[in-house]
């Protein structure tokens, strides 16, 4: 075990670059498959109605991103205060379920672009949300459109949680925390992580991921996934009646 730890420490840069390349290639492959999936769906939709609905969902996503959020730290004190619960991803998944993975991705990109000028994280948090949003909506909506049943919708909901947590761990490990430490200084960021039990300068990344990133994103993705599951069928009925 000690040899494995030493190997990881000695080759951390190479490992991080490899993970970034793999993640980017995975997203690219998902986009190719998503394009094929949505092209099959496109012939069965009315373009103007679809564009208007996507615009409304994108606006809702931005509003939820800006105004409906609350910190989880007051419930779980070991969660750093800068991690907020917010539900702006719900319209993204609903768009993906209604129209396909590319439409869901467009909503995620619009949310990113509109929110970027008002960023309080110099774009880092928004970029992480974009990466997580793209990865989750591509996987979940492609799964759902292969077989539109309640059982598949449940599987897609679990897929959202799994992909979300993996993407969040990679994003925080590879660029979010390193960026903040370079920007504000190691000691300043480490001071914000002292709410995590036993955190030190040697183990901060591991404990941050185990105590904060994973629990927080499991809770957030589960709430978003459940809300999407509850709302989608009701909204799809309304959409079809318009």
C-alpha atoms as a PDB file:
ATOM      1  CA  UNK A   1       0.000   0.000   0.000  1.00  0.00           C
ATOM      2  CA  UNK A   2       2.843   2.390   0.866  1.00  0.00           C
ATOM      3  CA  UNK A   3       4.438   1.713  -2.526  1.00  0.00           C
ATOM      4  CA  UNK A   4       1.157   2.559  -4.266  1.00  0.00           C
ATOM      5  CA  UNK A   5       0.872   5.830  -2.322  1.00  0.00           C
ATOM      6  CA  UNK A   6       4.469   6.755  -3.183  1.00  0.00           C
ATOM      7  CA  UNK A   7       3.883   5.926  -6.846  1.00  0.00           C
ATOM      8  CA  UNK A   8       0.779   8.148  -6.923  1.00  0.00           C
ATOM      9  CA  UNK A   9       2.613  11.010  -5.220  1.00  0.00           C
ATOM     10  CA  UNK A  10       5.608  10.768  -7.583  1.00  0.00           C
ATOM     11  CA  UNK A  11       3.463  10.618 -10.726  1.00  0.00           C
ATOM     12  CA  UNK A  12       0.571  12.883  -9.733  1.00  0.00           C
ATOM     13  CA  UNK A  13       0.979  15.331 -12.636  1.00  0.00           C
ATOM     14  CA  UNK A  14       0.989  12.551 -15.228  1.00  0.00           C
ATOM     15  CA  UNK A  15      -2.046  10.931 -13.582  1.00  0.00           C
ATOM     16  CA  UNK A  16      -3.966  14.210 -13.532  1.00  0.00           C
ATOM     17  CA  UNK A  17      -3.207  14.920 -17.210  1.00  0.00           C
ATOM     18  CA  UNK A  18      -4.236  11.369 -18.153  1.00  0.00           C
ATOM     19  CA  UNK A  19      -7.535  11.710 -16.280  1.00  0.00           C
ATOM     20  CA  UNK A  20      -8.272  15.059 -17.946  1.00  0.00           C
ATOM     21  CA  UNK A  21      -7.602  13.608 -21.409  1.00  0.00           C
ATOM     22  CA  UNK A  22      -9.767  10.544 -20.695  1.00  0.00           C
ATOM     23  CA  UNK A  23     -12.600  12.719 -19.366  1.00  0.00           C
ATOM     24  CA  UNK A  24     -12.513  15.070 -22.377  1.00  0.00           C
ATOM     25  CA  UNK A  25     -12.451  12.143 -24.820  1.00  0.00           C
ATOM     26  CA  UNK A  26     -15.359  10.517 -22.980  1.00  0.00           C
ATOM     27  CA  UNK A  27     -17.417  13.714 -23.273  1.00  0.00           C
ATOM     28  CA  UNK A  28     -16.578  13.949 -26.986  1.00  0.00           C
ATOM     29  CA  UNK A  29     -17.686  10.361 -27.587  1.00  0.00           C
ATOM     30  CA  UNK A  30     -20.890  10.973 -25.636  1.00  0.00           C
ATOM     31  CA  UNK A  31     -21.621  14.046 -27.785  1.00  0.00           C
ATOM     32  CA  UNK A  32     -21.221  11.979 -30.980  1.00  0.00           C
ATOM     33  CA  UNK A  33     -23.643   9.324 -29.752  1.00  0.00           C
ATOM     34  CA  UNK A  34     -25.999  12.002 -28.394  1.00  0.00           C
ATOM     35  CA  UNK A  35     -26.123  13.717 -31.776  1.00  0.00           C
ATOM     36  CA  UNK A  36     -27.168  10.472 -33.441  1.00  0.00           C
ATOM     37  CA  UNK A  37     -29.810   9.825 -30.777  1.00  0.00           C
ATOM     38  CA  UNK A  38     -31.360  13.281 -31.040  1.00  0.00           C
ATOM     39  CA  UNK A  39     -31.364  13.287 -34.841  1.00  0.00           C
ATOM     40  CA  UNK A  40     -33.682  10.288 -34.679  1.00  0.00           C
ATOM     41  CA  UNK A  41     -35.970  12.148 -32.253  1.00  0.00           C
ATOM     42  CA  UNK A  42     -35.902  15.456 -34.159  1.00  0.00           C
ATOM     43  CA  UNK A  43     -38.191  14.292 -36.949  1.00  0.00           C
ATOM     44  CA  UNK A  44     -40.962  13.685 -34.418  1.00  0.00           C
ATOM     45  CA  UNK A  45     -40.855  17.156 -32.849  1.00  0.00           C
ATOM     46  CA  UNK A  46     -42.088  20.563 -33.939  1.00  0.00           C
ATOM     47  CA  UNK A  47     -39.019  22.772 -34.135  1.00  0.00           C
ATOM     48  CA  UNK A  48     -40.551  26.107 -33.054  1.00  0.00           C
ATOM     49  CA  UNK A  49     -42.364  24.559 -30.089  1.00  0.00           C
ATOM     50  CA  UNK A  50     -39.154  22.801 -29.115  1.00  0.00           C
ATOM     51  CA  UNK A  51     -37.034  25.980 -29.349  1.00  0.00           C
ATOM     52  CA  UNK A  52     -39.489  27.966 -27.230  1.00  0.00           C
ATOM     53  CA  UNK A  53     -39.582  25.239 -24.582  1.00  0.00           C
ATOM     54  CA  UNK A  54     -35.784  24.987 -24.499  1.00  0.00           C
ATOM     55  CA  UNK A  55     -35.589  28.781 -24.038  1.00  0.00           C
ATOM     56  CA  UNK A  56     -38.054  28.635 -21.130  1.00  0.00           C
ATOM     57  CA  UNK A  57     -36.172  25.756 -19.485  1.00  0.00           C
ATOM     58  CA  UNK A  58     -32.864  27.599 -19.922  1.00  0.00           C
ATOM     59  CA  UNK A  59     -34.339  30.732 -18.314  1.00  0.00           C
ATOM     60  CA  UNK A  60     -35.648  28.666 -15.387  1.00  0.00           C
ATOM     61  CA  UNK A  61     -32.230  27.053 -14.984  1.00  0.00           C
ATOM     62  CA  UNK A  62     -30.522  30.457 -14.800  1.00  0.00           C
ATOM     63  CA  UNK A  63     -33.096  31.798 -12.299  1.00  0.00           C
ATOM     64  CA  UNK A  64     -32.657  28.741 -10.077  1.00  0.00           C
ATOM     65  CA  UNK A  65     -28.869  29.080 -10.356  1.00  0.00           C
ATOM     66  CA  UNK A  66     -28.890  32.705  -9.260  1.00  0.00           C
ATOM     67  CA  UNK A  67     -31.640  32.895  -6.682  1.00  0.00           C
ATOM     68  CA  UNK A  68     -32.591  29.498  -5.229  1.00  0.00           C
ATOM     69  CA  UNK A  69     -29.706  28.125  -3.195  1.00  0.00           C
ATOM     70  CA  UNK A  70     -28.786  27.432   0.398  1.00  0.00           C
ATOM     71  CA  UNK A  71     -25.657  26.133   2.178  1.00  0.00           C
ATOM     72  CA  UNK A  72     -25.597  22.581   3.492  1.00  0.00           C
ATOM     73  CA  UNK A  73     -23.142  23.461   6.246  1.00  0.00           C
ATOM     74  CA  UNK A  74     -25.841  24.408   8.755  1.00  0.00           C
ATOM     75  CA  UNK A  75     -27.120  20.788   8.607  1.00  0.00           C
ATOM     76  CA  UNK A  76     -23.780  18.992   8.187  1.00  0.00           C
ATOM     77  CA  UNK A  77     -21.100  21.085   9.918  1.00  0.00           C
ATOM     78  CA  UNK A  78     -18.206  19.246   8.239  1.00  0.00           C
ATOM     79  CA  UNK A  79     -19.340  20.512   4.800  1.00  0.00           C
ATOM     80  CA  UNK A  80     -17.449  23.726   3.853  1.00  0.00           C
ATOM     81  CA  UNK A  81     -19.681  26.805   3.632  1.00  0.00           C
ATOM     82  CA  UNK A  82     -18.925  27.479  -0.050  1.00  0.00           C
ATOM     83  CA  UNK A  83     -20.815  24.335  -1.154  1.00  0.00           C
ATOM     84  CA  UNK A  84     -24.439  25.326  -1.841  1.00  0.00           C
ATOM     85  CA  UNK A  85     -27.530  23.280  -2.630  1.00  0.00           C
ATOM     86  CA  UNK A  86     -29.198  24.549  -5.813  1.00  0.00           C
ATOM     87  CA  UNK A  87     -31.604  23.021  -8.336  1.00  0.00           C
ATOM     88  CA  UNK A  88     -30.639  24.641 -11.632  1.00  0.00           C
ATOM     89  CA  UNK A  89     -29.867  21.231 -13.155  1.00  0.00           C
ATOM     90  CA  UNK A  90     -33.525  20.114 -12.988  1.00  0.00           C
ATOM     91  CA  UNK A  91     -34.563  22.024 -16.185  1.00  0.00           C
ATOM     92  CA  UNK A  92     -31.473  20.591 -17.913  1.00  0.00           C
ATOM     93  CA  UNK A  93     -32.566  17.001 -17.299  1.00  0.00           C
ATOM     94  CA  UNK A  94     -36.188  17.748 -18.130  1.00  0.00           C
ATOM     95  CA  UNK A  95     -35.020  19.211 -21.464  1.00  0.00           C
ATOM     96  CA  UNK A  96     -32.894  16.135 -22.056  1.00  0.00           C
ATOM     97  CA  UNK A  97     -35.795  13.810 -21.304  1.00  0.00           C
ATOM     98  CA  UNK A  98     -38.225  15.814 -23.459  1.00  0.00           C
ATOM     99  CA  UNK A  99     -36.074  16.346 -26.544  1.00  0.00           C
ATOM    100  CA  UNK A 100     -32.784  14.474 -26.246  1.00  0.00           C
ATOM    101  CA  UNK A 101     -29.213  14.812 -24.947  1.00  0.00           C
ATOM    102  CA  UNK A 102     -28.115  17.650 -27.244  1.00  0.00           C
ATOM    103  CA  UNK A 103     -31.063  19.846 -26.181  1.00  0.00           C
ATOM    104  CA  UNK A 104     -30.246  19.181 -22.525  1.00  0.00           C
ATOM    105  CA  UNK A 105     -26.620  20.085 -23.234  1.00  0.00           C
ATOM    106  CA  UNK A 106     -27.701  23.362 -24.885  1.00  0.00           C
ATOM    107  CA  UNK A 107     -29.601  24.330 -21.727  1.00  0.00           C
ATOM    108  CA  UNK A 108     -26.498  23.541 -19.625  1.00  0.00           C
ATOM    109  CA  UNK A 109     -24.325  25.689 -21.918  1.00  0.00           C
ATOM    110  CA  UNK A 110     -26.798  28.604 -21.832  1.00  0.00           C
ATOM    111  CA  UNK A 111     -26.836  28.434 -18.016  1.00  0.00           C
ATOM    112  CA  UNK A 112     -23.021  28.535 -18.014  1.00  0.00           C
ATOM    113  CA  UNK A 113     -22.746  31.473 -20.436  1.00  0.00           C
ATOM    114  CA  UNK A 114     -25.402  33.614 -18.701  1.00  0.00           C
ATOM    115  CA  UNK A 115     -24.040  32.946 -15.218  1.00  0.00           C
ATOM    116  CA  UNK A 116     -20.373  33.485 -16.132  1.00  0.00           C
ATOM    117  CA  UNK A 117     -20.352  37.334 -16.065  1.00  0.00           C
ATOM    118  CA  UNK A 118     -21.756  37.332 -12.508  1.00  0.00           C
ATOM    119  CA  UNK A 119     -19.475  34.592 -11.251  1.00  0.00           C
ATOM    120  CA  UNK A 120     -18.195  34.826  -7.686  1.00  0.00           C
ATOM    121  CA  UNK A 121     -15.686  32.030  -8.345  1.00  0.00           C
ATOM    122  CA  UNK A 122     -13.894  33.512 -11.390  1.00  0.00           C
ATOM    123  CA  UNK A 123     -15.702  30.975 -13.544  1.00  0.00           C
ATOM    124  CA  UNK A 124     -14.309  27.923 -11.785  1.00  0.00           C
ATOM    125  CA  UNK A 125     -17.542  26.856 -10.091  1.00  0.00           C
ATOM    126  CA  UNK A 126     -19.519  27.531 -13.263  1.00  0.00           C
ATOM    127  CA  UNK A 127     -17.069  25.468 -15.324  1.00  0.00           C
ATOM    128  CA  UNK A 128     -17.383  22.574 -12.882  1.00  0.00           C
ATOM    129  CA  UNK A 129     -21.179  22.800 -13.042  1.00  0.00           C
ATOM    130  CA  UNK A 130     -20.999  22.805 -16.848  1.00  0.00           C
ATOM    131  CA  UNK A 131     -18.806  19.690 -16.926  1.00  0.00           C
ATOM    132  CA  UNK A 132     -21.067  17.885 -14.443  1.00  0.00           C
ATOM    133  CA  UNK A 133     -24.215  19.040 -16.280  1.00  0.00           C
ATOM    134  CA  UNK A 134     -22.961  17.880 -19.691  1.00  0.00           C
ATOM    135  CA  UNK A 135     -21.752  14.498 -18.455  1.00  0.00           C
ATOM    136  CA  UNK A 136     -24.944  13.718 -16.548  1.00  0.00           C
ATOM    137  CA  UNK A 137     -27.482  14.944 -19.121  1.00  0.00           C
ATOM    138  CA  UNK A 138     -25.744  13.138 -21.982  1.00  0.00           C
ATOM    139  CA  UNK A 139     -25.696   9.801 -20.162  1.00  0.00           C
ATOM    140  CA  UNK A 140     -29.140   9.996 -18.529  1.00  0.00           C
ATOM    141  CA  UNK A 141     -31.110  11.280 -21.534  1.00  0.00           C
ATOM    142  CA  UNK A 142     -29.499   8.812 -23.949  1.00  0.00           C
ATOM    143  CA  UNK A 143     -30.472   6.018 -21.579  1.00  0.00           C
ATOM    144  CA  UNK A 144     -34.031   7.298 -21.325  1.00  0.00           C
ATOM    145  CA  UNK A 145     -34.597   7.807 -25.053  1.00  0.00           C
ATOM    146  CA  UNK A 146     -33.613   4.226 -25.835  1.00  0.00           C
ATOM    147  CA  UNK A 147     -36.688   3.025 -23.968  1.00  0.00           C
ATOM    148  CA  UNK A 148     -39.123   5.577 -22.526  1.00  0.00           C
ATOM    149  CA  UNK A 149     -40.500   3.640 -19.579  1.00  0.00           C
ATOM    150  CA  UNK A 150     -40.800   4.361 -15.875  1.00  0.00           C
ATOM    151  CA  UNK A 151     -38.192   1.688 -15.155  1.00  0.00           C
ATOM    152  CA  UNK A 152     -35.722   3.315 -17.555  1.00  0.00           C
ATOM    153  CA  UNK A 153     -36.441   6.721 -16.028  1.00  0.00           C
ATOM    154  CA  UNK A 154     -35.517   5.303 -12.618  1.00  0.00           C
ATOM    155  CA  UNK A 155     -32.294   3.841 -14.023  1.00  0.00           C
ATOM    156  CA  UNK A 156     -31.506   7.202 -15.620  1.00  0.00           C
ATOM    157  CA  UNK A 157     -32.069   8.888 -12.245  1.00  0.00           C
ATOM    158  CA  UNK A 158     -29.507   6.603 -10.624  1.00  0.00           C
ATOM    159  CA  UNK A 159     -27.155   7.230 -13.551  1.00  0.00           C
ATOM    160  CA  UNK A 160     -27.398  10.979 -12.863  1.00  0.00           C
ATOM    161  CA  UNK A 161     -26.243  10.394  -9.286  1.00  0.00           C
ATOM    162  CA  UNK A 162     -23.368   8.089 -10.240  1.00  0.00           C
ATOM    163  CA  UNK A 163     -22.003  10.192 -13.109  1.00  0.00           C
ATOM    164  CA  UNK A 164     -22.497  13.415 -11.113  1.00  0.00           C
ATOM    165  CA  UNK A 165     -20.429  12.186  -8.159  1.00  0.00           C
ATOM    166  CA  UNK A 166     -17.609  10.874 -10.384  1.00  0.00           C
ATOM    167  CA  UNK A 167     -17.478  14.122 -12.385  1.00  0.00           C
ATOM    168  CA  UNK A 168     -17.573  16.224  -9.199  1.00  0.00           C
ATOM    169  CA  UNK A 169     -14.687  14.285  -7.635  1.00  0.00           C
ATOM    170  CA  UNK A 170     -12.567  14.695 -10.779  1.00  0.00           C
ATOM    171  CA  UNK A 171     -13.441  18.391 -11.124  1.00  0.00           C
ATOM    172  CA  UNK A 172     -12.594  19.222  -7.505  1.00  0.00           C
ATOM    173  CA  UNK A 173      -9.424  17.155  -7.521  1.00  0.00           C
ATOM    174  CA  UNK A 174      -8.061  18.263 -10.882  1.00  0.00           C
ATOM    175  CA  UNK A 175      -8.850  21.968 -11.078  1.00  0.00           C
ATOM    176  CA  UNK A 176     -11.255  23.543  -8.557  1.00  0.00           C
ATOM    177  CA  UNK A 177      -9.260  23.189  -5.327  1.00  0.00           C
ATOM    178  CA  UNK A 178      -5.841  23.670  -6.999  1.00  0.00           C
ATOM    179  CA  UNK A 179      -7.162  26.826  -8.706  1.00  0.00           C
ATOM    180  CA  UNK A 180      -8.384  28.342  -5.435  1.00  0.00           C
ATOM    181  CA  UNK A 181      -5.129  27.491  -3.682  1.00  0.00           C
ATOM    182  CA  UNK A 182      -3.120  29.183  -6.419  1.00  0.00           C
ATOM    183  CA  UNK A 183      -5.441  32.205  -6.352  1.00  0.00           C
ATOM    184  CA  UNK A 184      -5.944  32.775  -2.616  1.00  0.00           C
ATOM    185  CA  UNK A 185      -2.971  30.924  -1.177  1.00  0.00           C
ATOM    186  CA  UNK A 186      -2.661  27.466   0.322  1.00  0.00           C
ATOM    187  CA  UNK A 187      -3.116  28.545   3.951  1.00  0.00           C
ATOM    188  CA  UNK A 188      -6.268  30.573   3.246  1.00  0.00           C
ATOM    189  CA  UNK A 189      -8.032  27.691   1.514  1.00  0.00           C
ATOM    190  CA  UNK A 190      -6.787  25.171   4.050  1.00  0.00           C
ATOM    191  CA  UNK A 191      -8.312  27.366   6.757  1.00  0.00           C
ATOM    192  CA  UNK A 192     -11.716  27.031   5.067  1.00  0.00           C
ATOM    193  CA  UNK A 193     -11.321  23.251   5.153  1.00  0.00           C
ATOM    194  CA  UNK A 194     -10.656  23.058   8.879  1.00  0.00           C
ATOM    195  CA  UNK A 195     -14.347  22.267   9.463  1.00  0.00           C
ATOM    196  CA  UNK A 196     -13.442  18.797   8.192  1.00  0.00           C
ATOM    197  CA  UNK A 197     -12.325  16.582  11.117  1.00  0.00           C
ATOM    198  CA  UNK A 198      -8.598  15.823  11.134  1.00  0.00           C
ATOM    199  CA  UNK A 199      -7.693  17.819   8.032  1.00  0.00           C
ATOM    200  CA  UNK A 200      -3.994  18.706   7.672  1.00  0.00           C
ATOM    201  CA  UNK A 201      -1.678  20.042   4.994  1.00  0.00           C
ATOM    202  CA  UNK A 202      -0.813  16.446   4.073  1.00  0.00           C
ATOM    203  CA  UNK A 203      -4.282  14.905   3.808  1.00  0.00           C
ATOM    204  CA  UNK A 204      -6.522  17.881   2.892  1.00  0.00           C
ATOM    205  CA  UNK A 205      -7.341  16.675  -0.639  1.00  0.00           C
ATOM    206  CA  UNK A 206      -8.303  13.137   0.392  1.00  0.00           C
ATOM    207  CA  UNK A 207     -10.403  14.280   3.363  1.00  0.00           C
ATOM    208  CA  UNK A 208     -12.001  17.089   1.364  1.00  0.00           C
ATOM    209  CA  UNK A 209     -13.157  14.581  -1.253  1.00  0.00           C
ATOM    210  CA  UNK A 210     -14.253  11.942   1.286  1.00  0.00           C
ATOM    211  CA  UNK A 211     -15.942  14.218   3.846  1.00  0.00           C
ATOM    212  CA  UNK A 212     -17.215  17.061   1.645  1.00  0.00           C
ATOM    213  CA  UNK A 213     -17.256  16.439  -2.112  1.00  0.00           C
ATOM    214  CA  UNK A 214     -18.713  12.921  -2.136  1.00  0.00           C
ATOM    215  CA  UNK A 215     -21.390  13.380   0.598  1.00  0.00           C
ATOM    216  CA  UNK A 216     -22.402  16.828  -0.678  1.00  0.00           C
ATOM    217  CA  UNK A 217     -22.749  15.708  -4.286  1.00  0.00           C
ATOM    218  CA  UNK A 218     -24.574  12.496  -3.373  1.00  0.00           C
ATOM    219  CA  UNK A 219     -27.122  14.583  -1.443  1.00  0.00           C
ATOM    220  CA  UNK A 220     -27.403  17.278  -4.135  1.00  0.00           C
ATOM    221  CA  UNK A 221     -27.611  14.894  -7.095  1.00  0.00           C
ATOM    222  CA  UNK A 222     -30.160  12.710  -5.283  1.00  0.00           C
ATOM    223  CA  UNK A 223     -32.393  15.712  -4.555  1.00  0.00           C
ATOM    224  CA  UNK A 224     -32.126  16.961  -8.142  1.00  0.00           C
ATOM    225  CA  UNK A 225     -32.697  13.477  -9.567  1.00  0.00           C
ATOM    226  CA  UNK A 226     -35.786  12.829  -7.424  1.00  0.00           C
ATOM    227  CA  UNK A 227     -37.252  16.245  -8.261  1.00  0.00           C
ATOM    228  CA  UNK A 228     -36.664  15.640 -11.982  1.00  0.00           C
ATOM    229  CA  UNK A 229     -38.308  12.212 -11.769  1.00  0.00           C
ATOM    230  CA  UNK A 230     -41.363  13.691 -10.053  1.00  0.00           C
ATOM    231  CA  UNK A 231     -41.752  16.688 -12.377  1.00  0.00           C
ATOM    232  CA  UNK A 232     -40.877  15.267 -15.788  1.00  0.00           C
ATOM    233  CA  UNK A 233     -43.991  13.198 -16.544  1.00  0.00           C
ATOM    234  CA  UNK A 234     -46.289  15.978 -15.380  1.00  0.00           C
ATOM    235  CA  UNK A 235     -44.502  18.563 -17.510  1.00  0.00           C
ATOM    236  CA  UNK A 236     -44.344  16.243 -20.537  1.00  0.00           C
ATOM    237  CA  UNK A 237     -48.147  15.879 -20.400  1.00  0.00           C
ATOM    238  CA  UNK A 238     -48.505  19.678 -20.312  1.00  0.00           C
ATOM    239  CA  UNK A 239     -46.048  20.005 -23.226  1.00  0.00           C
ATOM    240  CA  UNK A 240     -47.985  17.531 -25.380  1.00  0.00           C
ATOM    241  CA  UNK A 241     -51.258  19.378 -24.733  1.00  0.00           C
ATOM    242  CA  UNK A 242     -49.888  22.748 -25.856  1.00  0.00           C
END
